[in-house]
Amino acid sequence: MHRTDRARALRQADNLTEDRLWAMLRGRRLDGLKFRRQVPIVRYYADFVCMEARLVIEADGPSHRQSEAYDQARTEVLEGLGYQVLRITNEQVLADPSGVALAIRAAVATGRPAGHPHRP
Protein backbone atom coordinates (compact mmCIF):
# COMPACT_ATOMS: atom_id res chain seq x y z
CA MET A 1 0.00 0.00 0.00
CA HIS A 2 1.34 3.44 -0.92
CA ARG A 3 2.09 5.80 2.00
CA THR A 4 -0.67 8.23 0.96
CA ASP A 5 -3.20 5.40 0.78
CA ARG A 6 -2.08 4.10 4.18
CA ALA A 7 -2.42 7.58 5.73
CA ARG A 8 -5.90 7.92 4.23
CA ALA A 9 -6.92 4.53 5.62
CA LEU A 10 -5.64 5.52 9.07
CA ARG A 11 -7.62 8.78 8.97
CA GLN A 12 -10.79 6.88 8.07
CA ALA A 13 -10.23 4.45 10.95
CA ASP A 14 -9.94 7.17 13.61
CA ASN A 15 -11.40 6.31 16.97
CA LEU A 16 -13.52 8.53 19.23
CA THR A 17 -10.50 10.02 20.96
CA GLU A 18 -8.77 10.93 17.72
CA ASP A 19 -12.02 12.38 16.39
CA ARG A 20 -12.36 14.61 19.48
CA LEU A 21 -8.73 15.69 19.32
CA TRP A 22 -9.04 16.40 15.59
CA ALA A 23 -12.16 18.50 16.25
CA MET A 24 -10.01 20.63 18.58
CA LEU A 25 -7.10 20.96 16.13
CA ARG A 26 -8.59 21.08 12.63
CA GLY A 27 -9.09 24.23 10.65
CA ARG A 28 -6.53 26.19 12.71
CA ARG A 29 -8.95 26.15 15.67
CA LEU A 30 -6.17 26.01 18.25
CA ASP A 31 -4.37 29.36 18.21
CA GLY A 32 -4.29 29.45 14.41
CA LEU A 33 -1.88 26.50 14.23
CA LYS A 34 -2.22 24.23 11.22
CA PHE A 35 -2.34 20.56 12.16
CA ARG A 36 -2.46 17.58 9.85
CA ARG A 37 -3.38 14.04 10.87
CA GLN A 38 -1.89 10.64 10.11
CA VAL A 39 1.22 12.16 8.59
CA PRO A 40 3.94 9.81 7.33
CA ILE A 41 7.32 10.70 8.83
CA VAL A 42 10.12 8.33 7.90
CA ARG A 43 8.66 4.89 8.63
CA TYR A 44 6.01 6.06 11.09
CA TYR A 45 2.61 7.71 10.90
CA ALA A 46 2.18 10.54 13.38
CA ASP A 47 -1.35 10.96 14.69
CA PHE A 48 -1.24 14.79 14.47
CA VAL A 49 1.52 17.13 13.32
CA CYS A 50 1.99 20.88 13.32
CA MET A 51 4.86 21.41 10.89
CA GLU A 52 5.44 25.06 11.78
CA ALA A 53 5.89 24.19 15.47
CA ARG A 54 7.59 20.85 14.68
CA LEU A 55 5.14 19.24 17.10
CA VAL A 56 3.87 15.67 16.91
CA ILE A 57 0.89 14.75 19.08
CA GLU A 58 0.29 11.08 19.75
CA ALA A 59 -3.04 9.92 21.17
CA ASP A 60 -2.21 6.87 23.26
CA GLY A 61 -4.91 4.31 23.85
CA PRO A 62 -4.85 1.04 25.77
CA SER A 63 -2.73 -0.73 23.15
CA HIS A 64 0.15 1.66 23.85
CA ARG A 65 0.52 0.35 27.38
CA GLN A 66 1.95 -2.84 25.93
CA SER A 67 4.20 -1.13 23.41
CA GLU A 68 6.18 1.29 25.55
CA ALA A 69 9.55 0.22 24.13
CA TYR A 70 8.30 0.69 20.56
CA ASP A 71 6.76 4.06 21.44
CA GLN A 72 10.01 5.19 23.10
CA ALA A 73 12.08 4.19 20.07
CA ARG A 74 9.61 5.95 17.81
CA THR A 75 9.76 9.10 19.95
CA GLU A 76 13.57 9.06 19.82
CA VAL A 77 13.53 8.84 16.02
CA LEU A 78 11.03 11.70 15.70
CA GLU A 79 12.93 13.85 18.19
CA GLY A 80 16.12 13.07 16.29
CA LEU A 81 14.42 14.59 13.24
CA GLY A 82 13.72 17.77 15.20
CA TYR A 83 10.13 17.14 16.27
CA GLN A 84 8.74 17.55 19.75
CA VAL A 85 6.56 14.60 20.71
CA LEU A 86 3.64 15.11 23.05
CA ARG A 87 1.91 11.92 24.15
CA ILE A 88 -1.65 12.32 25.37
CA THR A 89 -3.75 9.48 26.71
CA ASN A 90 -7.25 8.78 25.48
CA GLU A 91 -8.47 9.36 29.02
CA GLN A 92 -7.00 12.88 29.04
CA VAL A 93 -8.65 13.79 25.74
CA LEU A 94 -12.05 12.55 26.87
CA ALA A 95 -11.96 13.76 30.48
CA ASP A 96 -10.02 17.04 30.21
CA PRO A 97 -10.01 18.57 26.71
CA SER A 98 -9.20 22.01 28.16
CA GLY A 99 -6.14 20.56 29.90
CA VAL A 100 -5.09 18.91 26.65
CA ALA A 101 -5.37 22.24 24.82
CA LEU A 102 -3.25 23.88 27.54
CA ALA A 103 -0.60 21.14 27.25
CA ILE A 104 -0.45 21.62 23.47
CA ARG A 105 -0.17 25.40 23.85
CA ALA A 106 2.59 24.97 26.43
CA ALA A 107 4.49 22.59 24.14
CA VAL A 108 4.31 25.10 21.30
CA ALA A 109 5.23 28.06 23.52
CA THR A 110 8.19 26.41 25.21
CA GLY A 111 9.40 24.43 22.26
CA ARG A 112 8.99 21.16 24.12
CA PRO A 113 6.09 19.12 25.49
CA ALA A 114 4.69 20.13 28.87
CA GLY A 115 5.58 16.88 30.56
CA HIS A 116 4.70 13.46 29.31
CA PRO A 117 1.67 11.94 30.97
CA HIS A 118 2.46 9.13 33.30
CA ARG A 119 1.16 5.78 32.25
CA PRO A 120 -0.80 3.76 34.78
C-alpha atoms as a PDB file:
ATOM      1  CA  MET A   1       0.000   0.000   0.000  1.00  0.00           C
ATOM      2  CA  HIS A   2       1.341   3.443  -0.915  1.00  0.00           C
ATOM      3  CA  ARG A   3       2.087   5.805   2.003  1.00  0.00           C
ATOM      4  CA  THR A   4      -0.666   8.226   0.963  1.00  0.00           C
ATOM      5  CA  ASP A   5      -3.197   5.397   0.777  1.00  0.00           C
ATOM      6  CA  ARG A   6      -2.083   4.104   4.182  1.00  0.00           C
ATOM      7  CA  ALA A   7      -2.417   7.580   5.729  1.00  0.00           C
ATOM      8  CA  ARG A   8      -5.900   7.922   4.225  1.00  0.00           C
ATOM      9  CA  ALA A   9      -6.921   4.529   5.619  1.00  0.00           C
ATOM     10  CA  LEU A  10      -5.639   5.516   9.071  1.00  0.00           C
ATOM     11  CA  ARG A  11      -7.624   8.775   8.968  1.00  0.00           C
ATOM     12  CA  GLN A  12     -10.793   6.879   8.075  1.00  0.00           C
ATOM     13  CA  ALA A  13     -10.226   4.451  10.946  1.00  0.00           C
ATOM     14  CA  ASP A  14      -9.941   7.173  13.610  1.00  0.00           C
ATOM     15  CA  ASN A  15     -11.400   6.313  16.972  1.00  0.00           C
ATOM     16  CA  LEU A  16     -13.523   8.528  19.228  1.00  0.00           C
ATOM     17  CA  THR A  17     -10.502  10.020  20.958  1.00  0.00           C
ATOM     18  CA  GLU A  18      -8.765  10.927  17.717  1.00  0.00           C
ATOM     19  CA  ASP A  19     -12.017  12.385  16.391  1.00  0.00           C
ATOM     20  CA  ARG A  20     -12.364  14.610  19.478  1.00  0.00           C
ATOM     21  CA  LEU A  21      -8.727  15.690  19.318  1.00  0.00           C
ATOM     22  CA  TRP A  22      -9.039  16.398  15.594  1.00  0.00           C
ATOM     23  CA  ALA A  23     -12.160  18.502  16.251  1.00  0.00           C
ATOM     24  CA  MET A  24     -10.015  20.629  18.583  1.00  0.00           C
ATOM     25  CA  LEU A  25      -7.104  20.962  16.130  1.00  0.00           C
ATOM     26  CA  ARG A  26      -8.595  21.080  12.632  1.00  0.00           C
ATOM     27  CA  GLY A  27      -9.094  24.233  10.652  1.00  0.00           C
ATOM     28  CA  ARG A  28      -6.532  26.187  12.709  1.00  0.00           C
ATOM     29  CA  ARG A  29      -8.945  26.149  15.670  1.00  0.00           C
ATOM     30  CA  LEU A  30      -6.173  26.008  18.247  1.00  0.00           C
ATOM     31  CA  ASP A  31      -4.366  29.359  18.207  1.00  0.00           C
ATOM     32  CA  GLY A  32      -4.286  29.447  14.409  1.00  0.00           C
ATOM     33  CA  LEU A  33      -1.877  26.497  14.227  1.00  0.00           C
ATOM     34  CA  LYS A  34      -2.220  24.227  11.220  1.00  0.00           C
ATOM     35  CA  PHE A  35      -2.338  20.560  12.156  1.00  0.00           C
ATOM     36  CA  ARG A  36      -2.461  17.575   9.853  1.00  0.00           C
ATOM     37  CA  ARG A  37      -3.385  14.042  10.867  1.00  0.00           C
ATOM     38  CA  GLN A  38      -1.887  10.635  10.108  1.00  0.00           C
ATOM     39  CA  VAL A  39       1.220  12.162   8.586  1.00  0.00           C
ATOM     40  CA  PRO A  40       3.936   9.813   7.331  1.00  0.00           C
ATOM     41  CA  ILE A  41       7.323  10.699   8.826  1.00  0.00           C
ATOM     42  CA  VAL A  42      10.124   8.328   7.899  1.00  0.00           C
ATOM     43  CA  ARG A  43       8.659   4.890   8.632  1.00  0.00           C
ATOM     44  CA  TYR A  44       6.014   6.061  11.092  1.00  0.00           C
ATOM     45  CA  TYR A  45       2.607   7.712  10.898  1.00  0.00           C
ATOM     46  CA  ALA A  46       2.185  10.540  13.381  1.00  0.00           C
ATOM     47  CA  ASP A  47      -1.352  10.965  14.689  1.00  0.00           C
ATOM     48  CA  PHE A  48      -1.237  14.786  14.468  1.00  0.00           C
ATOM     49  CA  VAL A  49       1.524  17.128  13.318  1.00  0.00           C
ATOM     50  CA  CYS A  50       1.993  20.881  13.321  1.00  0.00           C
ATOM     51  CA  MET A  51       4.855  21.407  10.894  1.00  0.00           C
ATOM     52  CA  GLU A  52       5.436  25.064  11.781  1.00  0.00           C
ATOM     53  CA  ALA A  53       5.890  24.194  15.468  1.00  0.00           C
ATOM     54  CA  ARG A  54       7.594  20.852  14.682  1.00  0.00           C
ATOM     55  CA  LEU A  55       5.143  19.245  17.104  1.00  0.00           C
ATOM     56  CA  VAL A  56       3.871  15.670  16.912  1.00  0.00           C
ATOM     57  CA  ILE A  57       0.891  14.745  19.077  1.00  0.00           C
ATOM     58  CA  GLU A  58       0.292  11.079  19.747  1.00  0.00           C
ATOM     59  CA  ALA A  59      -3.036   9.917  21.172  1.00  0.00           C
ATOM     60  CA  ASP A  60      -2.210   6.874  23.265  1.00  0.00           C
ATOM     61  CA  GLY A  61      -4.914   4.312  23.852  1.00  0.00           C
ATOM     62  CA  PRO A  62      -4.850   1.039  25.775  1.00  0.00           C
ATOM     63  CA  SER A  63      -2.725  -0.732  23.150  1.00  0.00           C
ATOM     64  CA  HIS A  64       0.152   1.657  23.846  1.00  0.00           C
ATOM     65  CA  ARG A  65       0.520   0.349  27.383  1.00  0.00           C
ATOM     66  CA  GLN A  66       1.947  -2.838  25.930  1.00  0.00           C
ATOM     67  CA  SER A  67       4.204  -1.131  23.410  1.00  0.00           C
ATOM     68  CA  GLU A  68       6.182   1.293  25.548  1.00  0.00           C
ATOM     69  CA  ALA A  69       9.551   0.219  24.134  1.00  0.00           C
ATOM     70  CA  TYR A  70       8.296   0.688  20.559  1.00  0.00           C
ATOM     71  CA  ASP A  71       6.764   4.060  21.445  1.00  0.00           C
ATOM     72  CA  GLN A  72      10.009   5.186  23.104  1.00  0.00           C
ATOM     73  CA  ALA A  73      12.083   4.186  20.071  1.00  0.00           C
ATOM     74  CA  ARG A  74       9.614   5.953  17.808  1.00  0.00           C
ATOM     75  CA  THR A  75       9.757   9.101  19.950  1.00  0.00           C
ATOM     76  CA  GLU A  76      13.568   9.059  19.820  1.00  0.00           C
ATOM     77  CA  VAL A  77      13.530   8.841  16.015  1.00  0.00           C
ATOM     78  CA  LEU A  78      11.027  11.703  15.705  1.00  0.00           C
ATOM     79  CA  GLU A  79      12.932  13.852  18.188  1.00  0.00           C
ATOM     80  CA  GLY A  80      16.117  13.074  16.286  1.00  0.00           C
ATOM     81  CA  LEU A  81      14.420  14.594  13.239  1.00  0.00           C
ATOM     82  CA  GLY A  82      13.721  17.773  15.199  1.00  0.00           C
ATOM     83  CA  TYR A  83      10.130  17.137  16.267  1.00  0.00           C
ATOM     84  CA  GLN A  84       8.743  17.550  19.749  1.00  0.00           C
ATOM     85  CA  VAL A  85       6.560  14.602  20.708  1.00  0.00           C
ATOM     86  CA  LEU A  86       3.635  15.107  23.046  1.00  0.00           C
ATOM     87  CA  ARG A  87       1.908  11.921  24.146  1.00  0.00           C
ATOM     88  CA  ILE A  88      -1.654  12.325  25.367  1.00  0.00           C
ATOM     89  CA  THR A  89      -3.746   9.476  26.713  1.00  0.00           C
ATOM     90  CA  ASN A  90      -7.251   8.777  25.483  1.00  0.00           C
ATOM     91  CA  GLU A  91      -8.470   9.362  29.024  1.00  0.00           C
ATOM     92  CA  GLN A  92      -7.003  12.880  29.044  1.00  0.00           C
ATOM     93  CA  VAL A  93      -8.653  13.790  25.744  1.00  0.00           C
ATOM     94  CA  LEU A  94     -12.054  12.552  26.867  1.00  0.00           C
ATOM     95  CA  ALA A  95     -11.960  13.765  30.485  1.00  0.00           C
ATOM     96  CA  ASP A  96     -10.023  17.036  30.213  1.00  0.00           C
ATOM     97  CA  PRO A  97     -10.009  18.565  26.715  1.00  0.00           C
ATOM     98  CA  SER A  98      -9.199  22.008  28.155  1.00  0.00           C
ATOM     99  CA  GLY A  99      -6.142  20.564  29.901  1.00  0.00           C
ATOM    100  CA  VAL A 100      -5.087  18.910  26.655  1.00  0.00           C
ATOM    101  CA  ALA A 101      -5.375  22.238  24.823  1.00  0.00           C
ATOM    102  CA  LEU A 102      -3.250  23.876  27.537  1.00  0.00           C
ATOM    103  CA  ALA A 103      -0.601  21.139  27.246  1.00  0.00           C
ATOM    104  CA  ILE A 104      -0.447  21.615  23.473  1.00  0.00           C
ATOM    105  CA  ARG A 105      -0.168  25.397  23.850  1.00  0.00           C
ATOM    106  CA  ALA A 106       2.594  24.967  26.428  1.00  0.00           C
ATOM    107  CA  ALA A 107       4.487  22.591  24.139  1.00  0.00           C
ATOM    108  CA  VAL A 108       4.308  25.102  21.297  1.00  0.00           C
ATOM    109  CA  ALA A 109       5.228  28.061  23.525  1.00  0.00           C
ATOM    110  CA  THR A 110       8.188  26.411  25.213  1.00  0.00           C
ATOM    111  CA  GLY A 111       9.402  24.430  22.257  1.00  0.00           C
ATOM    112  CA  ARG A 112       8.991  21.165  24.120  1.00  0.00           C
ATOM    113  CA  PRO A 113       6.091  19.121  25.487  1.00  0.00           C
ATOM    114  CA  ALA A 114       4.688  20.131  28.872  1.00  0.00           C
ATOM    115  CA  GLY A 115       5.584  16.880  30.561  1.00  0.00           C
ATOM    116  CA  HIS A 116       4.699  13.460  29.312  1.00  0.00           C
ATOM    117  CA  PRO A 117       1.668  11.944  30.967  1.00  0.00           C
ATOM    118  CA  HIS A 118       2.461   9.128  33.299  1.00  0.00           C
ATOM    119  CA  ARG A 119       1.162   5.777  32.246  1.00  0.00           C
ATOM    120  CA  PRO A 120      -0.801   3.762  34.776  1.00  0.00           C
END
